[in-house]
Amino acid sequence: MLYAVISEDVADSLSKRLGARAAHLARLEELKTQGRLILAGPHPAIDSEDPGEAGFTGSLIIAEFPSLQDAQQWADSDPYIAAGVYAKVTVKPYKKVLP
């Protein structure tokens, strides 16, 4: 089943994000290689693809996991959590309808 991992950053998270980005992306690449990643990306803090110093306010990942528990465990192991990037992470089932 698909699950949405919806994360909200702490204030001024950009430097923390940059420090943990390589490890964070490596885990996403692993899901992609396994054919389980539907989409992933951050929410810019301003209306721009490259928000620069404004940084990001959170992230969205939609991926396939065997269960909600597995998705939650995967989300809990994100390097961004260990680095203090995320203030809150919500994991919930997701049903793709379109496209």
PDB file of N, CA and C in Angstrom:
ATOM      1  N   MET A   1       0.850  -1.176   0.000  1.00  0.00           N
ATOM      2  CA  MET A   1       0.000   0.000   0.000  1.00  0.00           C
ATOM      3  C   MET A   1       0.889   1.229   0.000  1.00  0.00           C
ATOM      4  N   LEU A   2       0.338   2.341  -0.490  1.00  0.00           N
ATOM      5  CA  LEU A   2       1.057   3.606  -0.492  1.00  0.00           C
ATOM      6  C   LEU A   2       0.825   4.341   0.824  1.00  0.00           C
ATOM      7  N   TYR A   3       1.864   5.083   1.238  1.00  0.00           N
ATOM      8  CA  TYR A   3       1.792   5.889   2.455  1.00  0.00           C
ATOM      9  C   TYR A   3       2.393   7.257   2.177  1.00  0.00           C
ATOM     10  N   ALA A   4       1.795   8.285   2.777  1.00  0.00           N
ATOM     11  CA  ALA A   4       2.312   9.646   2.699  1.00  0.00           C
ATOM     12  C   ALA A   4       3.070   9.937   3.979  1.00  0.00           C
ATOM     13  N   VAL A   5       4.276  10.444   3.814  1.00  0.00           N
ATOM     14  CA  VAL A   5       5.089  10.893   4.944  1.00  0.00           C
ATOM     15  C   VAL A   5       5.133  12.415   4.825  1.00  0.00           C
ATOM     16  N   ILE A   6       4.434  13.087   5.723  1.00  0.00           N
ATOM     17  CA  ILE A   6       4.270  14.534   5.676  1.00  0.00           C
ATOM     18  C   ILE A   6       5.058  15.120   6.840  1.00  0.00           C
ATOM     19  N   SER A   7       6.095  15.875   6.514  1.00  0.00           N
ATOM     20  CA  SER A   7       6.993  16.389   7.540  1.00  0.00           C
ATOM     21  C   SER A   7       6.959  17.904   7.585  1.00  0.00           C
ATOM     22  N   GLU A   8       7.055  18.440   8.792  1.00  0.00           N
ATOM     23  CA  GLU A   8       7.111  19.885   8.999  1.00  0.00           C
ATOM     24  C   GLU A   8       8.434  20.230   9.650  1.00  0.00           C
ATOM     25  N   ASP A   9       9.139  21.196   9.074  1.00  0.00           N
ATOM     26  CA  ASP A   9      10.445  21.600   9.585  1.00  0.00           C
ATOM     27  C   ASP A   9      10.344  22.473  10.827  1.00  0.00           C
ATOM     28  N   VAL A  10      11.424  22.468  11.598  1.00  0.00           N
ATOM     29  CA  VAL A  10      11.592  23.459  12.656  1.00  0.00           C
ATOM     30  C   VAL A  10      11.916  24.789  11.968  1.00  0.00           C
ATOM     31  N   ALA A  11      11.851  25.881  12.693  1.00  0.00           N
ATOM     32  CA  ALA A  11      12.216  27.185  12.131  1.00  0.00           C
ATOM     33  C   ALA A  11      13.703  27.189  11.781  1.00  0.00           C
ATOM     34  N   ASP A  12      14.037  27.893  10.727  1.00  0.00           N
ATOM     35  CA  ASP A  12      15.440  28.047  10.311  1.00  0.00           C
ATOM     36  C   ASP A  12      16.162  26.706  10.167  1.00  0.00           C
ATOM     37  N   SER A  13      15.562  25.804   9.428  1.00  0.00           N
ATOM     38  CA  SER A  13      16.084  24.437   9.296  1.00  0.00           C
ATOM     39  C   SER A  13      17.117  24.260   8.185  1.00  0.00           C
ATOM     40  N   LEU A  14      17.356  25.290   7.379  1.00  0.00           N
ATOM     41  CA  LEU A  14      18.161  25.107   6.171  1.00  0.00           C
ATOM     42  C   LEU A  14      19.547  24.530   6.450  1.00  0.00           C
ATOM     43  N   SER A  15      20.269  25.041   7.411  1.00  0.00           N
ATOM     44  CA  SER A  15      21.623  24.527   7.666  1.00  0.00           C
ATOM     45  C   SER A  15      21.572  23.073   8.146  1.00  0.00           C
ATOM     46  N   LYS A  16      20.560  22.729   8.939  1.00  0.00           N
ATOM     47  CA  LYS A  16      20.401  21.343   9.390  1.00  0.00           C
ATOM     48  C   LYS A  16      20.073  20.430   8.204  1.00  0.00           C
ATOM     49  N   ARG A  17      19.220  20.915   7.317  1.00  0.00           N
ATOM     50  CA  ARG A  17      18.871  20.151   6.113  1.00  0.00           C
ATOM     51  C   ARG A  17      20.118  19.863   5.289  1.00  0.00           C
ATOM     52  N   LEU A  18      20.895  20.903   5.043  1.00  0.00           N
ATOM     53  CA  LEU A  18      22.080  20.745   4.198  1.00  0.00           C
ATOM     54  C   LEU A  18      23.063  19.749   4.807  1.00  0.00           C
ATOM     55  N   GLY A  19      23.172  19.734   6.111  1.00  0.00           N
ATOM     56  CA  GLY A  19      24.090  18.817   6.776  1.00  0.00           C
ATOM     57  C   GLY A  19      23.693  17.356   6.671  1.00  0.00           C
ATOM     58  N   ALA A  20      22.415  17.086   6.574  1.00  0.00           N
ATOM     59  CA  ALA A  20      21.922  15.701   6.535  1.00  0.00           C
ATOM     60  C   ALA A  20      21.374  15.304   5.167  1.00  0.00           C
ATOM     61  N   ARG A  21      21.454  16.198   4.203  1.00  0.00           N
ATOM     62  CA  ARG A  21      20.808  15.977   2.900  1.00  0.00           C
ATOM     63  C   ARG A  21      21.310  14.730   2.174  1.00  0.00           C
ATOM     64  N   ALA A  22      22.619  14.510   2.150  1.00  0.00           N
ATOM     65  CA  ALA A  22      23.161  13.353   1.412  1.00  0.00           C
ATOM     66  C   ALA A  22      22.598  12.038   1.957  1.00  0.00           C
ATOM     67  N   ALA A  23      22.562  11.901   3.265  1.00  0.00           N
ATOM     68  CA  ALA A  23      22.033  10.668   3.872  1.00  0.00           C
ATOM     69  C   ALA A  23      20.536  10.540   3.633  1.00  0.00           C
ATOM     70  N   HIS A  24      19.821  11.651   3.694  1.00  0.00           N
ATOM     71  CA  HIS A  24      18.375  11.663   3.452  1.00  0.00           C
ATOM     72  C   HIS A  24      18.086  11.209   2.010  1.00  0.00           C
ATOM     73  N   LEU A  25      18.818  11.780   1.055  1.00  0.00           N
ATOM     74  CA  LEU A  25      18.610  11.430  -0.355  1.00  0.00           C
ATOM     75  C   LEU A  25      19.015   9.992  -0.655  1.00  0.00           C
ATOM     76  N   ALA A  26      20.021   9.470   0.028  1.00  0.00           N
ATOM     77  CA  ALA A  26      20.448   8.080  -0.190  1.00  0.00           C
ATOM     78  C   ALA A  26      19.318   7.113   0.139  1.00  0.00           C
ATOM     79  N   ARG A  27      18.572   7.395   1.197  1.00  0.00           N
ATOM     80  CA  ARG A  27      17.446   6.525   1.566  1.00  0.00           C
ATOM     81  C   ARG A  27      16.338   6.603   0.514  1.00  0.00           C
ATOM     82  N   LEU A  28      16.111   7.791  -0.018  1.00  0.00           N
ATOM     83  CA  LEU A  28      15.098   7.947  -1.065  1.00  0.00           C
ATOM     84  C   LEU A  28      15.537   7.233  -2.342  1.00  0.00           C
ATOM     85  N   GLU A  29      16.821   7.316  -2.675  1.00  0.00           N
ATOM     86  CA  GLU A  29      17.339   6.603  -3.853  1.00  0.00           C
ATOM     87  C   GLU A  29      17.148   5.101  -3.707  1.00  0.00           C
ATOM     88  N   GLU A  30      17.302   4.598  -2.500  1.00  0.00           N
ATOM     89  CA  GLU A  30      17.089   3.169  -2.257  1.00  0.00           C
ATOM     90  C   GLU A  30      15.635   2.777  -2.544  1.00  0.00           C
ATOM     91  N   LEU A  31      14.695   3.588  -2.059  1.00  0.00           N
ATOM     92  CA  LEU A  31      13.281   3.327  -2.362  1.00  0.00           C
ATOM     93  C   LEU A  31      13.027   3.395  -3.864  1.00  0.00           C
ATOM     94  N   LYS A  32      13.643   4.370  -4.522  1.00  0.00           N
ATOM     95  CA  LYS A  32      13.480   4.525  -5.973  1.00  0.00           C
ATOM     96  C   LYS A  32      13.999   3.298  -6.707  1.00  0.00           C
ATOM     97  N   THR A  33      15.178   2.821  -6.330  1.00  0.00           N
ATOM     98  CA  THR A  33      15.775   1.639  -6.950  1.00  0.00           C
ATOM     99  C   THR A  33      14.876   0.420  -6.779  1.00  0.00           C
ATOM    100  N   GLN A  34      14.217   0.337  -5.634  1.00  0.00           N
ATOM    101  CA  GLN A  34      13.313  -0.777  -5.350  1.00  0.00           C
ATOM    102  C   GLN A  34      11.955  -0.615  -6.045  1.00  0.00           C
ATOM    103  N   GLY A  35      11.737   0.508  -6.729  1.00  0.00           N
ATOM    104  CA  GLY A  35      10.475   0.759  -7.412  1.00  0.00           C
ATOM    105  C   GLY A  35       9.336   1.119  -6.464  1.00  0.00           C
ATOM    106  N   ARG A  36       9.660   1.586  -5.264  1.00  0.00           N
ATOM    107  CA  ARG A  36       8.640   1.874  -4.250  1.00  0.00           C
ATOM    108  C   ARG A  36       8.374   3.363  -4.057  1.00  0.00           C
ATOM    109  N   LEU A  37       9.195   4.224  -4.637  1.00  0.00           N
ATOM    110  CA  LEU A  37       9.046   5.664  -4.454  1.00  0.00           C
ATOM    111  C   LEU A  37       8.146   6.246  -5.538  1.00  0.00           C
ATOM    112  N   ILE A  38       7.072   6.908  -5.130  1.00  0.00           N
ATOM    113  CA  ILE A  38       6.162   7.553  -6.076  1.00  0.00           C
ATOM    114  C   ILE A  38       6.591   8.992  -6.307  1.00  0.00           C
ATOM    115  N   LEU A  39       6.851   9.724  -5.227  1.00  0.00           N
ATOM    116  CA  LEU A  39       7.350  11.096  -5.326  1.00  0.00           C
ATOM    117  C   LEU A  39       7.948  11.513  -4.000  1.00  0.00           C
ATOM    118  N   ALA A  40       8.807  12.519  -4.071  1.00  0.00           N
ATOM    119  CA  ALA A  40       9.423  13.052  -2.860  1.00  0.00           C
ATOM    120  C   ALA A  40       9.926  14.456  -3.153  1.00  0.00           C
ATOM    121  N   GLY A  41       9.794  15.319  -2.178  1.00  0.00           N
ATOM    122  CA  GLY A  41      10.334  16.664  -2.339  1.00  0.00           C
ATOM    123  C   GLY A  41       9.964  17.556  -1.180  1.00  0.00           C
ATOM    124  N   PRO A  42      10.666  18.683  -1.092  1.00  0.00           N
ATOM    125  CA  PRO A  42      10.429  19.634  -0.014  1.00  0.00           C
ATOM    126  C   PRO A  42       9.386  20.685  -0.395  1.00  0.00           C
ATOM    127  N   HIS A  43       8.907  21.382   0.629  1.00  0.00           N
ATOM    128  CA  HIS A  43       7.991  22.513   0.446  1.00  0.00           C
ATOM    129  C   HIS A  43       8.800  23.794   0.610  1.00  0.00           C
ATOM    130  N   PRO A  44       9.059  24.536  -0.474  1.00  0.00           N
ATOM    131  CA  PRO A  44       9.794  25.787  -0.341  1.00  0.00           C
ATOM    132  C   PRO A  44       9.058  26.768   0.581  1.00  0.00           C
ATOM    133  N   ALA A  45       9.826  27.543   1.334  1.00  0.00           N
ATOM    134  CA  ALA A  45       9.245  28.501   2.273  1.00  0.00           C
ATOM    135  C   ALA A  45       8.637  29.706   1.554  1.00  0.00           C
ATOM    136  N   ILE A  46       9.051  29.917   0.302  1.00  0.00           N
ATOM    137  CA  ILE A  46       8.488  30.999  -0.508  1.00  0.00           C
ATOM    138  C   ILE A  46       8.050  30.417  -1.846  1.00  0.00           C
ATOM    139  N   ASP A  47       7.330  31.186  -2.617  1.00  0.00           N
ATOM    140  CA  ASP A  47       6.803  30.729  -3.898  1.00  0.00           C
ATOM    141  C   ASP A  47       7.903  30.737  -4.960  1.00  0.00           C
ATOM    142  N   SER A  48       8.818  29.772  -4.838  1.00  0.00           N
ATOM    143  CA  SER A  48       9.948  29.687  -5.753  1.00  0.00           C
ATOM    144  C   SER A  48      10.498  28.270  -5.726  1.00  0.00           C
ATOM    145  N   GLU A  49      10.936  27.779  -6.887  1.00  0.00           N
ATOM    146  CA  GLU A  49      11.558  26.458  -6.938  1.00  0.00           C
ATOM    147  C   GLU A  49      12.890  26.458  -6.202  1.00  0.00           C
ATOM    148  N   ASP A  50      13.566  27.609  -6.179  1.00  0.00           N
ATOM    149  CA  ASP A  50      14.837  27.743  -5.470  1.00  0.00           C
ATOM    150  C   ASP A  50      14.681  28.848  -4.423  1.00  0.00           C
ATOM    151  N   PRO A  51      14.274  28.493  -3.217  1.00  0.00           N
ATOM    152  CA  PRO A  51      13.986  29.509  -2.213  1.00  0.00           C
ATOM    153  C   PRO A  51      15.217  30.137  -1.557  1.00  0.00           C
ATOM    154  N   GLY A  52      16.408  29.658  -1.922  1.00  0.00           N
ATOM    155  CA  GLY A  52      17.626  30.228  -1.375  1.00  0.00           C
ATOM    156  C   GLY A  52      17.642  30.196   0.147  1.00  0.00           C
ATOM    157  N   GLU A  53      18.013  31.305   0.750  1.00  0.00           N
ATOM    158  CA  GLU A  53      18.135  31.408   2.206  1.00  0.00           C
ATOM    159  C   GLU A  53      16.800  31.213   2.935  1.00  0.00           C
ATOM    160  N   ALA A  54      15.669  31.388   2.227  1.00  0.00           N
ATOM    161  CA  ALA A  54      14.355  31.204   2.860  1.00  0.00           C
ATOM    162  C   ALA A  54      14.166  29.751   3.282  1.00  0.00           C
ATOM    163  N   GLY A  55      14.793  28.834   2.544  1.00  0.00           N
ATOM    164  CA  GLY A  55      14.746  27.424   2.908  1.00  0.00           C
ATOM    165  C   GLY A  55      13.409  26.756   2.641  1.00  0.00           C
ATOM    166  N   PHE A  56      13.094  25.804   3.497  1.00  0.00           N
ATOM    167  CA  PHE A  56      11.932  24.951   3.298  1.00  0.00           C
ATOM    168  C   PHE A  56      11.129  24.834   4.589  1.00  0.00           C
ATOM    169  N   THR A  57       9.865  24.480   4.441  1.00  0.00           N
ATOM    170  CA  THR A  57       8.985  24.356   5.611  1.00  0.00           C
ATOM    171  C   THR A  57       8.627  22.910   5.928  1.00  0.00           C
ATOM    172  N   GLY A  58       9.040  21.988   5.083  1.00  0.00           N
ATOM    173  CA  GLY A  58       8.715  20.588   5.301  1.00  0.00           C
ATOM    174  C   GLY A  58       8.943  19.778   4.044  1.00  0.00           C
ATOM    175  N   SER A  59       8.463  18.545   4.070  1.00  0.00           N
ATOM    176  CA  SER A  59       8.654  17.626   2.945  1.00  0.00           C
ATOM    177  C   SER A  59       7.450  16.715   2.785  1.00  0.00           C
ATOM    178  N   LEU A  60       7.319  16.158   1.587  1.00  0.00           N
ATOM    179  CA  LEU A  60       6.298  15.159   1.302  1.00  0.00           C
ATOM    180  C   LEU A  60       6.959  13.997   0.582  1.00  0.00           C
ATOM    181  N   ILE A  61       6.725  12.811   1.087  1.00  0.00           N
ATOM    182  CA  ILE A  61       7.195  11.580   0.447  1.00  0.00           C
ATOM    183  C   ILE A  61       5.994  10.656   0.319  1.00  0.00           C
ATOM    184  N   ILE A  62       5.805  10.108  -0.861  1.00  0.00           N
ATOM    185  CA  ILE A  62       4.779   9.082  -1.058  1.00  0.00           C
ATOM    186  C   ILE A  62       5.496   7.851  -1.592  1.00  0.00           C
ATOM    187  N   ALA A  63       5.366   6.753  -0.841  1.00  0.00           N
ATOM    188  CA  ALA A  63       6.075   5.531  -1.190  1.00  0.00           C
ATOM    189  C   ALA A  63       5.279   4.314  -0.749  1.00  0.00           C
ATOM    190  N   GLU A  64       5.668   3.186  -1.294  1.00  0.00           N
ATOM    191  CA  GLU A  64       5.005   1.917  -0.978  1.00  0.00           C
ATOM    192  C   GLU A  64       5.731   1.204   0.161  1.00  0.00           C
ATOM    193  N   PHE A  65       4.953   0.741   1.119  1.00  0.00           N
ATOM    194  CA  PHE A  65       5.465  -0.038   2.245  1.00  0.00           C
ATOM    195  C   PHE A  65       4.496  -1.182   2.511  1.00  0.00           C
ATOM    196  N   PRO A  66       4.967  -2.267   3.145  1.00  0.00           N
ATOM    197  CA  PRO A  66       4.081  -3.394   3.448  1.00  0.00           C
ATOM    198  C   PRO A  66       2.959  -3.042   4.425  1.00  0.00           C
ATOM    199  N   SER A  67       3.222  -2.073   5.322  1.00  0.00           N
ATOM    200  CA  SER A  67       2.217  -1.730   6.332  1.00  0.00           C
ATOM    201  C   SER A  67       2.468  -0.321   6.852  1.00  0.00           C
ATOM    202  N   LEU A  68       1.493   0.210   7.556  1.00  0.00           N
ATOM    203  CA  LEU A  68       1.640   1.515   8.191  1.00  0.00           C
ATOM    204  C   LEU A  68       2.788   1.489   9.191  1.00  0.00           C
ATOM    205  N   GLN A  69       2.914   0.405   9.915  1.00  0.00           N
ATOM    206  CA  GLN A  69       4.000   0.274  10.893  1.00  0.00           C
ATOM    207  C   GLN A  69       5.368   0.346  10.201  1.00  0.00           C
ATOM    208  N   ASP A  70       5.505  -0.327   9.067  1.00  0.00           N
ATOM    209  CA  ASP A  70       6.764  -0.281   8.322  1.00  0.00           C
ATOM    210  C   ASP A  70       7.050   1.128   7.813  1.00  0.00           C
ATOM    211  N   ALA A  71       6.018   1.798   7.318  1.00  0.00           N
ATOM    212  CA  ALA A  71       6.186   3.166   6.836  1.00  0.00           C
ATOM    213  C   ALA A  71       6.602   4.087   7.980  1.00  0.00           C
ATOM    214  N   GLN A  72       5.984   3.905   9.147  1.00  0.00           N
ATOM    215  CA  GLN A  72       6.313   4.736  10.310  1.00  0.00           C
ATOM    216  C   GLN A  72       7.747   4.486  10.762  1.00  0.00           C
ATOM    217  N   GLN A  73       8.152   3.228  10.791  1.00  0.00           N
ATOM    218  CA  GLN A  73       9.531   2.910  11.184  1.00  0.00           C
ATOM    219  C   GLN A  73      10.540   3.519  10.220  1.00  0.00           C
ATOM    220  N   TRP A  74      10.229   3.453   8.924  1.00  0.00           N
ATOM    221  CA  TRP A  74      11.113   4.048   7.925  1.00  0.00           C
ATOM    222  C   TRP A  74      11.200   5.556   8.150  1.00  0.00           C
ATOM    223  N   ALA A  75      10.065   6.201   8.349  1.00  0.00           N
ATOM    224  CA  ALA A  75      10.041   7.650   8.564  1.00  0.00           C
ATOM    225  C   ALA A  75      10.793   8.032   9.833  1.00  0.00           C
ATOM    226  N   ASP A  76      10.646   7.247  10.873  1.00  0.00           N
ATOM    227  CA  ASP A  76      11.314   7.538  12.149  1.00  0.00           C
ATOM    228  C   ASP A  76      12.837   7.449  12.041  1.00  0.00           C
ATOM    229  N   SER A  77      13.331   6.745  11.029  1.00  0.00           N
ATOM    230  CA  SER A  77      14.771   6.563  10.847  1.00  0.00           C
ATOM    231  C   SER A  77      15.380   7.593   9.898  1.00  0.00           C
ATOM    232  N   ASP A  78      14.602   8.575   9.474  1.00  0.00           N
ATOM    233  CA  ASP A  78      15.102   9.576   8.532  1.00  0.00           C
ATOM    234  C   ASP A  78      16.246  10.379   9.152  1.00  0.00           C
ATOM    235  N   PRO A  79      17.346  10.555   8.436  1.00  0.00           N
ATOM    236  CA  PRO A  79      18.450  11.371   8.951  1.00  0.00           C
ATOM    237  C   PRO A  79      18.037  12.802   9.305  1.00  0.00           C
ATOM    238  N   TYR A  80      17.007  13.308   8.664  1.00  0.00           N
ATOM    239  CA  TYR A  80      16.531  14.657   9.011  1.00  0.00           C
ATOM    240  C   TYR A  80      15.980  14.697  10.440  1.00  0.00           C
ATOM    241  N   ILE A  81      15.441  13.595  10.924  1.00  0.00           N
ATOM    242  CA  ILE A  81      14.965  13.563  12.311  1.00  0.00           C
ATOM    243  C   ILE A  81      16.162  13.627  13.256  1.00  0.00           C
ATOM    244  N   ALA A  82      17.170  12.809  12.986  1.00  0.00           N
ATOM    245  CA  ALA A  82      18.363  12.799  13.837  1.00  0.00           C
ATOM    246  C   ALA A  82      19.064  14.159  13.830  1.00  0.00           C
ATOM    247  N   ALA A  83      18.985  14.870  12.704  1.00  0.00           N
ATOM    248  CA  ALA A  83      19.638  16.178  12.579  1.00  0.00           C
ATOM    249  C   ALA A  83      18.794  17.318  13.157  1.00  0.00           C
ATOM    250  N   GLY A  84      17.562  17.015  13.575  1.00  0.00           N
ATOM    251  CA  GLY A  84      16.709  18.055  14.146  1.00  0.00           C
ATOM    252  C   GLY A  84      16.020  18.938  13.123  1.00  0.00           C
ATOM    253  N   VAL A  85      15.899  18.460  11.886  1.00  0.00           N
ATOM    254  CA  VAL A  85      15.237  19.234  10.829  1.00  0.00           C
ATOM    255  C   VAL A  85      13.722  19.267  11.036  1.00  0.00           C
ATOM    256  N   TYR A  86      13.150  18.131  11.379  1.00  0.00           N
ATOM    257  CA  TYR A  86      11.693  18.029  11.454  1.00  0.00           C
ATOM    258  C   TYR A  86      11.169  18.279  12.867  1.00  0.00           C
ATOM    259  N   ALA A  87      10.141  19.105  12.945  1.00  0.00           N
ATOM    260  CA  ALA A  87       9.430  19.329  14.200  1.00  0.00           C
ATOM    261  C   ALA A  87       8.317  18.305  14.364  1.00  0.00           C
ATOM    262  N   LYS A  88       7.765  17.853  13.217  1.00  0.00           N
ATOM    263  CA  LYS A  88       6.630  16.929  13.246  1.00  0.00           C
ATOM    264  C   LYS A  88       6.637  16.085  11.980  1.00  0.00           C
ATOM    265  N   VAL A  89       6.326  14.797  12.132  1.00  0.00           N
ATOM    266  CA  VAL A  89       6.214  13.894  10.990  1.00  0.00           C
ATOM    267  C   VAL A  89       4.922  13.095  11.144  1.00  0.00           C
ATOM    268  N   THR A  90       4.098  13.137  10.110  1.00  0.00           N
ATOM    269  CA  THR A  90       2.851  12.382  10.095  1.00  0.00           C
ATOM    270  C   THR A  90       2.934  11.356   8.977  1.00  0.00           C
ATOM    271  N   VAL A  91       2.589  10.114   9.296  1.00  0.00           N
ATOM    272  CA  VAL A  91       2.567   9.045   8.295  1.00  0.00           C
ATOM    273  C   VAL A  91       1.154   8.505   8.236  1.00  0.00           C
ATOM    274  N   LYS A  92       0.597   8.469   7.019  1.00  0.00           N
ATOM    275  CA  LYS A  92      -0.755   7.940   6.875  1.00  0.00           C
ATOM    276  C   LYS A  92      -0.941   7.275   5.528  1.00  0.00           C
ATOM    277  N   PRO A  93      -1.902   6.348   5.455  1.00  0.00           N
ATOM    278  CA  PRO A  93      -2.172   5.672   4.187  1.00  0.00           C
ATOM    279  C   PRO A  93      -2.559   6.691   3.120  1.00  0.00           C
ATOM    280  N   TYR A  94      -2.208   6.347   1.888  1.00  0.00           N
ATOM    281  CA  TYR A  94      -2.482   7.219   0.752  1.00  0.00           C
ATOM    282  C   TYR A  94      -3.043   6.380  -0.382  1.00  0.00           C
ATOM    283  N   LYS A  95      -4.102   6.873  -0.993  1.00  0.00           N
ATOM    284  CA  LYS A  95      -4.699   6.169  -2.131  1.00  0.00           C
ATOM    285  C   LYS A  95      -4.543   7.046  -3.376  1.00  0.00           C
ATOM    286  N   LYS A  96      -3.754   6.583  -4.317  1.00  0.00           N
ATOM    287  CA  LYS A  96      -3.564   7.311  -5.571  1.00  0.00           C
ATOM    288  C   LYS A  96      -4.786   7.103  -6.454  1.00  0.00           C
ATOM    289  N   VAL A  97      -5.356   8.197  -6.925  1.00  0.00           N
ATOM    290  CA  VAL A  97      -6.509   8.128  -7.801  1.00  0.00           C
ATOM    291  C   VAL A  97      -6.137   8.608  -9.218  1.00  0.00           C
ATOM    292  N   LEU A  98      -5.425   9.720  -9.322  1.00  0.00           N
ATOM    293  CA  LEU A  98      -5.012  10.268 -10.615  1.00  0.00           C
ATOM    294  C   LEU A  98      -3.555  10.667 -10.558  1.00  0.00           C
ATOM    295  N   PRO A  99      -2.835  10.755 -11.590  1.00  0.00           N
ATOM    296  CA  PRO A  99      -3.187  10.263 -12.918  1.00  0.00           C
ATOM    297  C   PRO A  99      -3.088   8.759 -12.989  1.00  0.00           C
TER     298      PRO A  99
END
